[in-house]
PDB file of all heavy atoms in Angstrom:
ATOM      1  N   ILE A   1      20.916   4.812 -15.371  1.00  0.00           N
ATOM      2  CA  ILE A   1      21.444   3.439 -15.535  1.00  0.00           C
ATOM      3  C   ILE A   1      22.683   3.094 -14.712  1.00  0.00           C
ATOM      4  O   ILE A   1      23.093   1.959 -14.709  1.00  0.00           O
ATOM      5  CB  ILE A   1      21.889   3.267 -17.111  1.00  0.00           C
ATOM      6  CG1 ILE A   1      22.922   4.322 -17.449  1.00  0.00           C
ATOM      7  CG2 ILE A   1      20.631   3.433 -17.966  1.00  0.00           C
ATOM      8  CD1 ILE A   1      23.485   4.150 -18.881  1.00  0.00           C
ATOM      9  N   ASP A   2      23.174   4.124 -13.958  1.00  0.00           N
ATOM     10  CA  ASP A   2      24.336   3.754 -13.112  1.00  0.00           C
ATOM     11  C   ASP A   2      24.461   4.805 -11.973  1.00  0.00           C
ATOM     12  O   ASP A   2      23.690   5.748 -11.911  1.00  0.00           O
ATOM     13  CB  ASP A   2      25.682   3.677 -13.910  1.00  0.00           C
ATOM     14  CG  ASP A   2      25.958   4.927 -14.749  1.00  0.00           C
ATOM     15  OD1 ASP A   2      25.543   6.027 -14.345  1.00  0.00           O
ATOM     16  OD2 ASP A   2      26.593   4.812 -15.786  1.00  0.00           O
ATOM     17  N   ALA A   3      25.471   4.685 -11.108  1.00  0.00           N
ATOM     18  CA  ALA A   3      25.611   5.537  -9.930  1.00  0.00           C
ATOM     19  C   ALA A   3      25.853   6.927 -10.378  1.00  0.00           C
ATOM     20  O   ALA A   3      25.380   7.899  -9.774  1.00  0.00           O
ATOM     21  CB  ALA A   3      26.700   4.975  -9.050  1.00  0.00           C
ATOM     22  N   ALA A   4      26.746   7.185 -11.391  1.00  0.00           N
ATOM     23  CA  ALA A   4      26.998   8.469 -11.844  1.00  0.00           C
ATOM     24  C   ALA A   4      25.771   9.232 -12.304  1.00  0.00           C
ATOM     25  O   ALA A   4      25.624  10.436 -11.999  1.00  0.00           O
ATOM     26  CB  ALA A   4      28.089   8.399 -13.025  1.00  0.00           C
ATOM     27  N   ALA A   5      24.870   8.496 -13.022  1.00  0.00           N
ATOM     28  CA  ALA A   5      23.680   9.118 -13.505  1.00  0.00           C
ATOM     29  C   ALA A   5      22.762   9.513 -12.300  1.00  0.00           C
ATOM     30  O   ALA A   5      22.075  10.545 -12.311  1.00  0.00           O
ATOM     31  CB  ALA A   5      22.943   8.170 -14.449  1.00  0.00           C
ATOM     32  N   VAL A   6      22.759   8.665 -11.258  1.00  0.00           N
ATOM     33  CA  VAL A   6      21.988   8.950 -10.063  1.00  0.00           C
ATOM     34  C   VAL A   6      22.454  10.237  -9.361  1.00  0.00           C
ATOM     35  O   VAL A   6      21.714  11.079  -9.005  1.00  0.00           O
ATOM     36  CB  VAL A   6      21.963   7.785  -9.128  1.00  0.00           C
ATOM     37  CG1 VAL A   6      21.315   8.203  -7.784  1.00  0.00           C
ATOM     38  CG2 VAL A   6      21.244   6.603  -9.712  1.00  0.00           C
ATOM     39  N   ARG A   7      23.835  10.328  -9.168  1.00  0.00           N
ATOM     40  CA  ARG A   7      24.378  11.577  -8.564  1.00  0.00           C
ATOM     41  C   ARG A   7      24.043  12.811  -9.334  1.00  0.00           C
ATOM     42  O   ARG A   7      23.675  13.855  -8.793  1.00  0.00           O
ATOM     43  CB  ARG A   7      25.851  11.388  -8.374  1.00  0.00           C
ATOM     44  CG  ARG A   7      26.315  10.329  -7.404  1.00  0.00           C
ATOM     45  CD  ARG A   7      27.820  10.428  -7.097  1.00  0.00           C
ATOM     46  NE  ARG A   7      28.251   9.300  -6.285  1.00  0.00           N
ATOM     47  CZ  ARG A   7      28.768   8.206  -6.775  1.00  0.00           C
ATOM     48  NH1 ARG A   7      28.885   8.024  -8.099  1.00  0.00           N
ATOM     49  NH2 ARG A   7      29.174   7.184  -6.003  1.00  0.00           N
ATOM     50  N   LYS A   8      24.248  12.701 -10.636  1.00  0.00           N
ATOM     51  CA  LYS A   8      23.936  13.894 -11.492  1.00  0.00           C
ATOM     52  C   LYS A   8      22.532  14.265 -11.441  1.00  0.00           C
ATOM     53  O   LYS A   8      22.202  15.451 -11.351  1.00  0.00           O
ATOM     54  CB  LYS A   8      24.383  13.519 -12.947  1.00  0.00           C
ATOM     55  CG  LYS A   8      24.180  14.683 -13.926  1.00  0.00           C
ATOM     56  CD  LYS A   8      24.659  14.271 -15.332  1.00  0.00           C
ATOM     57  CE  LYS A   8      24.460  15.362 -16.341  1.00  0.00           C
ATOM     58  NZ  LYS A   8      24.883  15.036 -17.626  1.00  0.00           N
ATOM     59  N   ALA A   9      21.595  13.293 -11.494  1.00  0.00           N
ATOM     60  CA  ALA A   9      20.150  13.595 -11.467  1.00  0.00           C
ATOM     61  C   ALA A   9      19.805  14.196 -10.144  1.00  0.00           C
ATOM     62  O   ALA A   9      18.917  15.103 -10.053  1.00  0.00           O
ATOM     63  CB  ALA A   9      19.350  12.289 -11.709  1.00  0.00           C
ATOM     64  N   PHE A  10      20.369  13.673  -9.031  1.00  0.00           N
ATOM     65  CA  PHE A  10      20.040  14.263  -7.708  1.00  0.00           C
ATOM     66  C   PHE A  10      20.405  15.742  -7.558  1.00  0.00           C
ATOM     67  O   PHE A  10      19.680  16.531  -7.138  1.00  0.00           O
ATOM     68  CB  PHE A  10      20.748  13.382  -6.614  1.00  0.00           C
ATOM     69  CG  PHE A  10      20.179  13.562  -5.260  1.00  0.00           C
ATOM     70  CD1 PHE A  10      19.279  12.716  -4.740  1.00  0.00           C
ATOM     71  CD2 PHE A  10      20.558  14.702  -4.498  1.00  0.00           C
ATOM     72  CE1 PHE A  10      18.793  12.869  -3.463  1.00  0.00           C
ATOM     73  CE2 PHE A  10      20.082  14.835  -3.159  1.00  0.00           C
ATOM     74  CZ  PHE A  10      19.113  13.971  -2.646  1.00  0.00           C
ATOM     75  N   SER A  11      21.632  15.995  -8.090  1.00  0.00           N
ATOM     76  CA  SER A  11      22.091  17.316  -8.001  1.00  0.00           C
ATOM     77  C   SER A  11      21.252  18.339  -8.950  1.00  0.00           C
ATOM     78  O   SER A  11      20.848  19.403  -8.472  1.00  0.00           O
ATOM     79  CB  SER A  11      23.542  17.410  -8.446  1.00  0.00           C
ATOM     80  OG  SER A  11      24.001  18.772  -8.496  1.00  0.00           O
ATOM     81  N   ALA A  12      20.962  17.803 -10.146  1.00  0.00           N
ATOM     82  CA  ALA A  12      20.171  18.634 -11.056  1.00  0.00           C
ATOM     83  C   ALA A  12      18.728  18.881 -10.485  1.00  0.00           C
ATOM     84  O   ALA A  12      18.180  19.979 -10.612  1.00  0.00           O
ATOM     85  CB  ALA A  12      20.023  17.940 -12.442  1.00  0.00           C
ATOM     86  N   MET A  13      18.195  17.904  -9.836  1.00  0.00           N
ATOM     87  CA  MET A  13      16.828  18.032  -9.270  1.00  0.00           C
ATOM     88  C   MET A  13      16.845  19.048  -8.130  1.00  0.00           C
ATOM     89  O   MET A  13      15.930  19.905  -8.118  1.00  0.00           O
ATOM     90  CB  MET A  13      16.312  16.676  -8.729  1.00  0.00           C
ATOM     91  CG  MET A  13      14.905  16.767  -8.272  1.00  0.00           C
ATOM     92  SD  MET A  13      14.295  15.183  -7.582  1.00  0.00           S
ATOM     93  CE  MET A  13      14.389  14.134  -9.020  1.00  0.00           C
ATOM     94  N   ARG A  14      17.815  19.090  -7.253  1.00  0.00           N
ATOM     95  CA  ARG A  14      17.887  20.030  -6.169  1.00  0.00           C
ATOM     96  C   ARG A  14      17.900  21.472  -6.794  1.00  0.00           C
ATOM     97  O   ARG A  14      17.192  22.336  -6.285  1.00  0.00           O
ATOM     98  CB  ARG A  14      19.099  19.780  -5.295  1.00  0.00           C
ATOM     99  CG  ARG A  14      18.829  18.690  -4.243  1.00  0.00           C
ATOM    100  CD  ARG A  14      19.888  18.722  -3.158  1.00  0.00           C
ATOM    101  NE  ARG A  14      19.625  17.852  -2.101  1.00  0.00           N
ATOM    102  CZ  ARG A  14      18.746  18.022  -1.088  1.00  0.00           C
ATOM    103  NH1 ARG A  14      18.117  19.171  -0.986  1.00  0.00           N
ATOM    104  NH2 ARG A  14      18.582  17.128  -0.159  1.00  0.00           N
ATOM    105  N   GLU A  15      18.748  21.635  -7.806  1.00  0.00           N
ATOM    106  CA  GLU A  15      18.883  22.974  -8.350  1.00  0.00           C
ATOM    107  C   GLU A  15      17.584  23.393  -9.009  1.00  0.00           C
ATOM    108  O   GLU A  15      17.122  24.548  -8.847  1.00  0.00           O
ATOM    109  CB  GLU A  15      20.039  22.994  -9.366  1.00  0.00           C
ATOM    110  CG  GLU A  15      21.407  22.799  -8.704  1.00  0.00           C
ATOM    111  CD  GLU A  15      22.506  22.829  -9.744  1.00  0.00           C
ATOM    112  OE1 GLU A  15      22.235  23.125 -10.872  1.00  0.00           O
ATOM    113  OE2 GLU A  15      23.666  22.485  -9.375  1.00  0.00           O
ATOM    114  N   SER A  16      17.011  22.489  -9.820  1.00  0.00           N
ATOM    115  CA  SER A  16      15.795  22.829 -10.611  1.00  0.00           C
ATOM    116  C   SER A  16      14.595  23.101  -9.669  1.00  0.00           C
ATOM    117  O   SER A  16      13.894  24.161  -9.895  1.00  0.00           O
ATOM    118  CB  SER A  16      15.497  21.659 -11.558  1.00  0.00           C
ATOM    119  OG  SER A  16      14.307  22.000 -12.181  1.00  0.00           O
ATOM    120  N   VAL A  17      14.386  22.268  -8.701  1.00  0.00           N
ATOM    121  CA  VAL A  17      13.256  22.480  -7.830  1.00  0.00           C
ATOM    122  C   VAL A  17      13.372  23.706  -6.978  1.00  0.00           C
ATOM    123  O   VAL A  17      12.468  24.478  -6.790  1.00  0.00           O
ATOM    124  CB  VAL A  17      13.021  21.188  -6.972  1.00  0.00           C
ATOM    125  CG1 VAL A  17      11.997  21.459  -5.898  1.00  0.00           C
ATOM    126  CG2 VAL A  17      12.675  20.019  -7.793  1.00  0.00           C
ATOM    127  N   SER A  18      14.605  23.933  -6.470  1.00  0.00           N
ATOM    128  CA  SER A  18      14.825  25.199  -5.683  1.00  0.00           C
ATOM    129  C   SER A  18      14.588  26.429  -6.457  1.00  0.00           C
ATOM    130  O   SER A  18      14.034  27.414  -6.000  1.00  0.00           O
ATOM    131  CB  SER A  18      16.261  25.214  -5.142  1.00  0.00           C
ATOM    132  OG  SER A  18      16.507  24.094  -4.275  1.00  0.00           O
ATOM    133  N   GLU A  19      14.957  26.348  -7.764  1.00  0.00           N
ATOM    134  CA  GLU A  19      14.829  27.569  -8.619  1.00  0.00           C
ATOM    135  C   GLU A  19      13.341  27.760  -9.032  1.00  0.00           C
ATOM    136  O   GLU A  19      12.801  28.893  -9.006  1.00  0.00           O
ATOM    137  CB  GLU A  19      15.680  27.398  -9.887  1.00  0.00           C
ATOM    138  CG  GLU A  19      15.495  28.500 -10.926  1.00  0.00           C
ATOM    139  CD  GLU A  19      16.294  28.258 -12.173  1.00  0.00           C
ATOM    140  OE1 GLU A  19      17.156  27.348 -12.187  1.00  0.00           O
ATOM    141  OE2 GLU A  19      16.016  28.906 -13.191  1.00  0.00           O
ATOM    142  N   LYS A  20      12.634  26.610  -9.389  1.00  0.00           N
ATOM    143  CA  LYS A  20      11.299  26.843  -9.963  1.00  0.00           C
ATOM    144  C   LYS A  20      10.176  26.760  -8.889  1.00  0.00           C
ATOM    145  O   LYS A  20       9.104  27.354  -9.134  1.00  0.00           O
ATOM    146  CB  LYS A  20      11.054  25.665 -10.982  1.00  0.00           C
ATOM    147  CG  LYS A  20      11.954  25.804 -12.213  1.00  0.00           C
ATOM    148  CD  LYS A  20      11.700  24.702 -13.150  1.00  0.00           C
ATOM    149  CE  LYS A  20      12.634  24.829 -14.382  1.00  0.00           C
ATOM    150  NZ  LYS A  20      12.458  23.733 -15.352  1.00  0.00           N
ATOM    151  N   ALA A  21      10.394  26.081  -7.773  1.00  0.00           N
ATOM    152  CA  ALA A  21       9.301  25.887  -6.842  1.00  0.00           C
ATOM    153  C   ALA A  21       9.666  26.455  -5.488  1.00  0.00           C
ATOM    154  O   ALA A  21       8.794  26.402  -4.597  1.00  0.00           O
ATOM    155  CB  ALA A  21       8.896  24.407  -6.785  1.00  0.00           C
ATOM    156  N   GLY A  22      10.802  26.760  -5.239  1.00  0.00           N
ATOM    157  CA  GLY A  22      11.246  27.273  -3.952  1.00  0.00           C
ATOM    158  C   GLY A  22      11.805  26.160  -3.055  1.00  0.00           C
ATOM    159  O   GLY A  22      11.356  25.021  -3.103  1.00  0.00           O
ATOM    160  N   HIS A  23      12.846  26.484  -2.261  1.00  0.00           N
ATOM    161  CA  HIS A  23      13.539  25.538  -1.485  1.00  0.00           C
ATOM    162  C   HIS A  23      12.606  24.863  -0.465  1.00  0.00           C
ATOM    163  O   HIS A  23      12.848  23.722  -0.100  1.00  0.00           O
ATOM    164  CB  HIS A  23      14.742  26.190  -0.817  1.00  0.00           C
ATOM    165  CG  HIS A  23      15.616  25.141  -0.092  1.00  0.00           C
ATOM    166  ND1 HIS A  23      16.432  24.298  -0.755  1.00  0.00           N
ATOM    167  CD2 HIS A  23      15.672  24.896   1.231  1.00  0.00           C
ATOM    168  CE1 HIS A  23      17.053  23.566   0.135  1.00  0.00           C
ATOM    169  NE2 HIS A  23      16.610  23.871   1.387  1.00  0.00           N
ATOM    170  N   SER A  24      11.626  25.611  -0.020  1.00  0.00           N
ATOM    171  CA  SER A  24      10.778  25.097   1.060  1.00  0.00           C
ATOM    172  C   SER A  24       9.842  23.888   0.613  1.00  0.00           C
ATOM    173  O   SER A  24       9.370  23.130   1.414  1.00  0.00           O
ATOM    174  CB  SER A  24       9.806  26.217   1.632  1.00  0.00           C
ATOM    175  OG  SER A  24       8.927  26.675   0.510  1.00  0.00           O
ATOM    176  N   THR A  25       9.725  23.746  -0.688  1.00  0.00           N
ATOM    177  CA  THR A  25       8.885  22.631  -1.216  1.00  0.00           C
ATOM    178  C   THR A  25       9.739  21.359  -1.354  1.00  0.00           C
ATOM    179  O   THR A  25       9.141  20.300  -1.585  1.00  0.00           O
ATOM    180  CB  THR A  25       8.363  22.995  -2.638  1.00  0.00           C
ATOM    181  OG1 THR A  25       9.421  23.123  -3.529  1.00  0.00           O
ATOM    182  CG2 THR A  25       7.551  24.268  -2.571  1.00  0.00           C
ATOM    183  N   LEU A  26      11.005  21.460  -1.268  1.00  0.00           N
ATOM    184  CA  LEU A  26      11.895  20.300  -1.511  1.00  0.00           C
ATOM    185  C   LEU A  26      11.950  19.412  -0.343  1.00  0.00           C
ATOM    186  O   LEU A  26      12.377  19.796   0.754  1.00  0.00           O
ATOM    187  CB  LEU A  26      13.283  20.792  -1.913  1.00  0.00           C
ATOM    188  CG  LEU A  26      14.305  19.724  -2.289  1.00  0.00           C
ATOM    189  CD1 LEU A  26      13.811  18.969  -3.426  1.00  0.00           C
ATOM    190  CD2 LEU A  26      15.667  20.318  -2.502  1.00  0.00           C
ATOM    191  N   ARG A  27      11.540  18.199  -0.477  1.00  0.00           N
ATOM    192  CA  ARG A  27      11.742  17.191   0.531  1.00  0.00           C
ATOM    193  C   ARG A  27      12.607  16.075   0.026  1.00  0.00           C
ATOM    194  O   ARG A  27      13.164  16.174  -1.089  1.00  0.00           O
ATOM    195  CB  ARG A  27      10.349  16.630   0.945  1.00  0.00           C
ATOM    196  CG  ARG A  27       9.448  17.619   1.628  1.00  0.00           C
ATOM    197  CD  ARG A  27       7.981  17.056   1.765  1.00  0.00           C
ATOM    198  NE  ARG A  27       7.962  15.806   2.552  1.00  0.00           N
ATOM    199  CZ  ARG A  27       7.958  15.792   3.915  1.00  0.00           C
ATOM    200  NH1 ARG A  27       7.939  16.963   4.599  1.00  0.00           N
ATOM    201  NH2 ARG A  27       7.865  14.693   4.577  1.00  0.00           N
ATOM    202  N   GLU A  28      12.763  15.028   0.798  1.00  0.00           N
ATOM    203  CA  GLU A  28      13.563  13.915   0.344  1.00  0.00           C
ATOM    204  C   GLU A  28      13.026  13.303  -0.937  1.00  0.00           C
ATOM    205  O   GLU A  28      11.825  12.994  -1.024  1.00  0.00           O
ATOM    206  CB  GLU A  28      13.626  12.807   1.426  1.00  0.00           C
ATOM    207  CG  GLU A  28      14.332  13.305   2.675  1.00  0.00           C
ATOM    208  CD  GLU A  28      13.340  13.933   3.621  1.00  0.00           C
ATOM    209  OE1 GLU A  28      12.168  14.175   3.263  1.00  0.00           O
ATOM    210  OE2 GLU A  28      13.763  14.284   4.783  1.00  0.00           O
ATOM    211  N   PRO A  29      13.893  13.098  -1.947  1.00  0.00           N
ATOM    212  CA  PRO A  29      13.341  12.562  -3.204  1.00  0.00           C
ATOM    213  C   PRO A  29      12.926  11.085  -3.029  1.00  0.00           C
ATOM    214  O   PRO A  29      13.446  10.392  -2.199  1.00  0.00           O
ATOM    215  CB  PRO A  29      14.575  12.623  -4.175  1.00  0.00           C
ATOM    216  CG  PRO A  29      15.466  13.657  -3.589  1.00  0.00           C
ATOM    217  CD  PRO A  29      15.236  13.584  -2.117  1.00  0.00           C
ATOM    218  N   VAL A  30      11.960  10.703  -3.910  1.00  0.00           N
ATOM    219  CA  VAL A  30      11.559   9.333  -3.949  1.00  0.00           C
ATOM    220  C   VAL A  30      12.332   8.574  -5.023  1.00  0.00           C
ATOM    221  O   VAL A  30      12.627   9.101  -6.063  1.00  0.00           O
ATOM    222  CB  VAL A  30      10.036   9.277  -4.345  1.00  0.00           C
ATOM    223  CG1 VAL A  30       9.536   7.814  -4.525  1.00  0.00           C
ATOM    224  CG2 VAL A  30       9.178   9.911  -3.241  1.00  0.00           C
ATOM    225  N   PHE A  31      12.685   7.341  -4.709  1.00  0.00           N
ATOM    226  CA  PHE A  31      13.533   6.580  -5.543  1.00  0.00           C
ATOM    227  C   PHE A  31      12.810   5.380  -6.009  1.00  0.00           C
ATOM    228  O   PHE A  31      12.430   4.537  -5.094  1.00  0.00           O
ATOM    229  CB  PHE A  31      14.797   6.212  -4.726  1.00  0.00           C
ATOM    230  CG  PHE A  31      15.980   5.916  -5.594  1.00  0.00           C
ATOM    231  CD1 PHE A  31      16.563   6.918  -6.367  1.00  0.00           C
ATOM    232  CD2 PHE A  31      16.437   4.653  -5.733  1.00  0.00           C
ATOM    233  CE1 PHE A  31      17.636   6.638  -7.129  1.00  0.00           C
ATOM    234  CE2 PHE A  31      17.492   4.361  -6.483  1.00  0.00           C
ATOM    235  CZ  PHE A  31      18.089   5.327  -7.248  1.00  0.00           C
ATOM    236  N   ASN A  32      12.614   5.166  -7.296  1.00  0.00           N
ATOM    237  CA  ASN A  32      11.893   3.963  -7.806  1.00  0.00           C
ATOM    238  C   ASN A  32      12.807   3.168  -8.685  1.00  0.00           C
ATOM    239  O   ASN A  32      13.659   3.648  -9.381  1.00  0.00           O
ATOM    240  CB  ASN A  32      10.695   4.366  -8.679  1.00  0.00           C
ATOM    241  CG  ASN A  32       9.693   5.227  -7.929  1.00  0.00           C
ATOM    242  OD1 ASN A  32       9.207   6.116  -8.486  1.00  0.00           O
ATOM    243  ND2 ASN A  32       9.423   4.839  -6.681  1.00  0.00           N
ATOM    244  N   ARG A  33      12.591   1.829  -8.696  1.00  0.00           N
ATOM    245  CA  ARG A  33      13.166   0.992  -9.670  1.00  0.00           C
ATOM    246  C   ARG A  33      12.347   1.279 -10.935  1.00  0.00           C
ATOM    247  O   ARG A  33      11.111   1.433 -10.935  1.00  0.00           O
ATOM    248  CB  ARG A  33      13.007  -0.458  -9.348  1.00  0.00           C
ATOM    249  CG  ARG A  33      13.520  -1.337 -10.475  1.00  0.00           C
ATOM    250  CD  ARG A  33      13.741  -2.734 -10.180  1.00  0.00           C
ATOM    251  NE  ARG A  33      14.333  -3.448 -11.336  1.00  0.00           N
ATOM    252  CZ  ARG A  33      15.334  -4.233 -11.234  1.00  0.00           C
ATOM    253  NH1 ARG A  33      15.952  -4.522 -10.120  1.00  0.00           N
ATOM    254  NH2 ARG A  33      15.796  -4.813 -12.371  1.00  0.00           N
ATOM    255  N   TRP A  34      13.060   1.300 -12.090  1.00  0.00           N
ATOM    256  CA  TRP A  34      12.334   1.569 -13.377  1.00  0.00           C
ATOM    257  C   TRP A  34      11.522   0.344 -13.789  1.00  0.00           C
ATOM    258  O   TRP A  34      11.993  -0.763 -13.880  1.00  0.00           O
ATOM    259  CB  TRP A  34      13.382   1.865 -14.435  1.00  0.00           C
ATOM    260  CG  TRP A  34      12.823   1.993 -15.843  1.00  0.00           C
ATOM    261  CD1 TRP A  34      12.934   1.127 -16.866  1.00  0.00           C
ATOM    262  CD2 TRP A  34      12.000   3.036 -16.289  1.00  0.00           C
ATOM    263  NE1 TRP A  34      12.296   1.641 -17.943  1.00  0.00           N
ATOM    264  CE2 TRP A  34      11.675   2.784 -17.612  1.00  0.00           C
ATOM    265  CE3 TRP A  34      11.428   4.192 -15.694  1.00  0.00           C
ATOM    266  CZ2 TRP A  34      10.871   3.605 -18.377  1.00  0.00           C
ATOM    267  CZ3 TRP A  34      10.656   5.040 -16.434  1.00  0.00           C
ATOM    268  CH2 TRP A  34      10.389   4.731 -17.739  1.00  0.00           C
ATOM    269  N   SER A  35      10.176   0.514 -13.907  1.00  0.00           N
ATOM    270  CA  SER A  35       9.292  -0.517 -14.306  1.00  0.00           C
ATOM    271  C   SER A  35       8.064   0.053 -15.058  1.00  0.00           C
ATOM    272  O   SER A  35       7.137   0.442 -14.524  1.00  0.00           O
ATOM    273  CB  SER A  35       8.752  -1.232 -12.968  1.00  0.00           C
ATOM    274  OG  SER A  35       7.877  -2.309 -13.421  1.00  0.00           O
TER     275      SER A  35
END
């Protein structure tokens, strides 16, 4: 819902994906408007 939530989600996603799927799978995240 705001910029702080976006920063927090971006950081959490990098950590989670690197841990569960490996850093090599991580590419640039896709960003959608909620609809």
